[in-house]
Protein backbone atom coordinates (compact mmCIF):
# COMPACT_ATOMS: atom_id res chain seq x y z
CA UNK A 1 104.16 86.10 144.59
CA UNK A 2 100.71 86.81 143.39
CA UNK A 3 98.80 85.32 140.49
CA UNK A 4 97.40 87.79 138.05
CA UNK A 5 94.26 86.84 136.15
CA UNK A 6 93.59 88.51 132.83
CA UNK A 7 90.79 90.98 132.83
CA UNK A 8 88.36 90.37 129.95
CA UNK A 9 88.29 94.08 129.30
CA UNK A 10 92.06 94.23 128.66
CA UNK A 11 91.60 92.76 125.15
CA UNK A 12 94.91 90.90 125.07
CA UNK A 13 93.57 87.48 124.14
CA UNK A 14 90.67 88.12 121.79
CA UNK A 15 88.52 85.12 120.83
CA UNK A 16 89.18 83.80 117.31
CA UNK A 17 85.84 83.19 115.57
CA UNK A 18 87.07 82.12 112.10
CA UNK A 19 87.21 78.50 110.95
CA UNK A 20 90.59 77.07 110.02
CA UNK A 21 90.06 75.62 106.51
CA UNK A 22 93.66 74.57 105.89
CA UNK A 23 93.16 70.90 106.93
CA UNK A 24 90.04 70.69 104.76
CA UNK A 25 91.91 72.03 101.72
CA UNK A 26 94.77 69.59 102.35
CA UNK A 27 92.43 66.60 102.47
CA UNK A 28 90.59 67.71 99.33
CA UNK A 29 93.84 68.11 97.39
CA UNK A 30 94.99 64.62 98.41
CA UNK A 31 91.65 63.14 97.29
CA UNK A 32 91.87 65.03 93.99
CA UNK A 33 95.33 63.62 93.30
CA UNK A 34 94.16 60.08 94.15
CA UNK A 35 91.20 60.35 91.78
CA UNK A 36 93.34 61.78 88.98
CA UNK A 37 95.71 58.83 89.28
CA UNK A 38 93.04 56.09 89.46
CA UNK A 39 90.64 57.28 86.71
CA UNK A 40 92.89 56.30 83.76
CA UNK A 41 93.33 52.83 85.26
CA UNK A 42 89.56 52.25 85.44
CA UNK A 43 88.84 53.32 81.85
CA UNK A 44 89.43 50.68 79.21
CA UNK A 45 91.81 51.86 76.53
CA UNK A 46 91.46 48.95 74.09
CA UNK A 47 89.68 49.92 70.86
CA UNK A 48 87.15 47.28 69.81
CA UNK A 49 84.63 47.33 66.96
CA UNK A 50 81.45 45.82 68.35
CA UNK A 51 79.01 44.07 66.00
CA UNK A 52 75.81 45.91 65.14
CA UNK A 53 72.61 43.91 65.50
CA UNK A 54 68.98 44.73 66.13
CA UNK A 55 67.64 43.87 69.52
CA UNK A 56 64.20 42.31 68.98
CA UNK A 57 61.49 42.93 71.53
CA UNK A 58 60.86 39.86 73.62
CA UNK A 59 57.64 41.05 75.25
CA UNK A 60 55.34 42.55 72.67
CA UNK A 61 53.07 44.96 74.50
CA UNK A 62 49.56 43.59 74.63
CA UNK A 63 46.67 45.92 74.00
CA UNK A 64 44.64 46.74 77.09
CA UNK A 65 41.11 45.31 77.12
CA UNK A 66 38.40 47.88 77.79
CA UNK A 67 35.04 46.77 79.16
CA UNK A 68 32.38 49.48 79.46
CA UNK A 69 29.28 49.46 81.67
CA UNK A 70 26.71 52.10 80.70
CA UNK A 71 24.08 53.74 82.89
CA UNK A 72 21.50 51.01 82.13
CA UNK A 73 23.93 48.22 83.09
CA UNK A 74 24.68 47.02 79.54
CA UNK A 75 28.20 45.59 79.06
CA UNK A 76 30.40 46.49 76.07
CA UNK A 77 33.60 44.76 74.91
CA UNK A 78 35.50 47.71 73.45
CA UNK A 79 32.65 49.15 71.32
CA UNK A 80 30.61 45.95 70.82
CA UNK A 81 27.62 45.34 73.08
CA UNK A 82 27.60 41.88 74.67
CA UNK A 83 24.29 40.01 74.82
CA UNK A 84 24.81 38.50 78.28
CA UNK A 85 27.29 37.98 81.12
CA UNK A 86 28.23 34.49 79.86
CA UNK A 87 29.74 35.93 76.66
CA UNK A 88 31.80 38.30 78.84
CA UNK A 89 33.13 35.34 80.86
CA UNK A 90 34.04 33.50 77.64
CA UNK A 91 36.03 36.48 76.34
CA UNK A 92 37.75 37.02 79.69
CA UNK A 93 38.84 33.37 79.86
CA UNK A 94 40.48 33.77 76.43
CA UNK A 95 42.25 36.93 77.61
CA UNK A 96 43.41 35.23 80.83
CA UNK A 97 45.11 32.48 78.80
CA UNK A 98 47.28 34.97 76.83
CA UNK A 99 50.94 35.41 77.73
CA UNK A 100 51.66 38.15 78.70
CA UNK A 101 48.21 38.81 80.03
CA UNK A 102 46.76 42.19 79.02
CA UNK A 103 45.25 44.51 81.59
CA UNK A 104 41.48 44.81 81.96
CA UNK A 105 40.24 48.39 82.16
CA UNK A 106 36.66 48.92 83.30
CA UNK A 107 34.84 52.09 82.25
CA UNK A 108 31.82 52.36 84.50
CA UNK A 109 29.25 55.10 84.01
CA UNK A 110 28.86 57.26 87.13
CA UNK A 111 25.10 56.64 87.01
CA UNK A 112 25.47 52.84 86.68
CA UNK A 113 24.50 50.68 89.62
CA UNK A 114 27.31 49.08 91.58
CA UNK A 115 25.85 45.65 90.88
CA UNK A 116 26.52 45.93 87.13
CA UNK A 117 30.16 46.91 87.64
CA UNK A 118 30.53 44.31 90.38
CA UNK A 119 29.45 41.56 87.97
CA UNK A 120 32.25 42.55 85.59
CA UNK A 121 34.82 42.50 88.41
CA UNK A 122 33.53 39.10 89.58
CA UNK A 123 33.73 37.69 86.04
CA UNK A 124 37.32 38.96 85.74
CA UNK A 125 38.23 37.38 89.06
CA UNK A 126 36.68 34.03 88.11
CA UNK A 127 38.44 34.09 84.73
CA UNK A 128 41.83 34.63 86.38
CA UNK A 129 42.59 38.17 85.19
CA UNK A 130 45.52 39.42 87.27
CA UNK A 131 45.37 43.17 86.59
CA UNK A 132 42.10 45.09 86.70
CA UNK A 133 41.85 48.87 86.64
CA UNK A 134 39.09 51.47 86.55
CA UNK A 135 39.16 54.34 84.07
CA UNK A 136 38.12 57.71 85.48
CA UNK A 137 38.19 61.34 84.43
CA UNK A 138 40.10 63.96 86.39
CA UNK A 139 37.93 66.37 88.38
CA UNK A 140 37.10 69.73 86.83
CA UNK A 141 39.22 72.63 88.05
């Protein structure tokens, strides 16, 4: 008795290259049936008339404080020029005591010296201002 091996060129047992999707379809149908059964249980079917009431704001949004430093080093509180750095510290201490504390935005001229802007940042730090930001312009395209 001899053993006969199949010749690959005979073509009897061709390789099957397709994916069998039957088990996937079966699993998906079972999941679909489970979801269709459980969705009505999750939804509440009791009709209730809820009261209508305004929801007042608890945290009124504070206006941001803008301090400007011009090219000569002069300091402005919004649009009002401040006579000296001590008046800036006094105003910043008042702002630091507010609840919620507003943000301090510093507008520094590009030609201003760093020392002038640094004095404003130092005054804000000493006053206890928690949030300080710098206002800039986007670059030209």
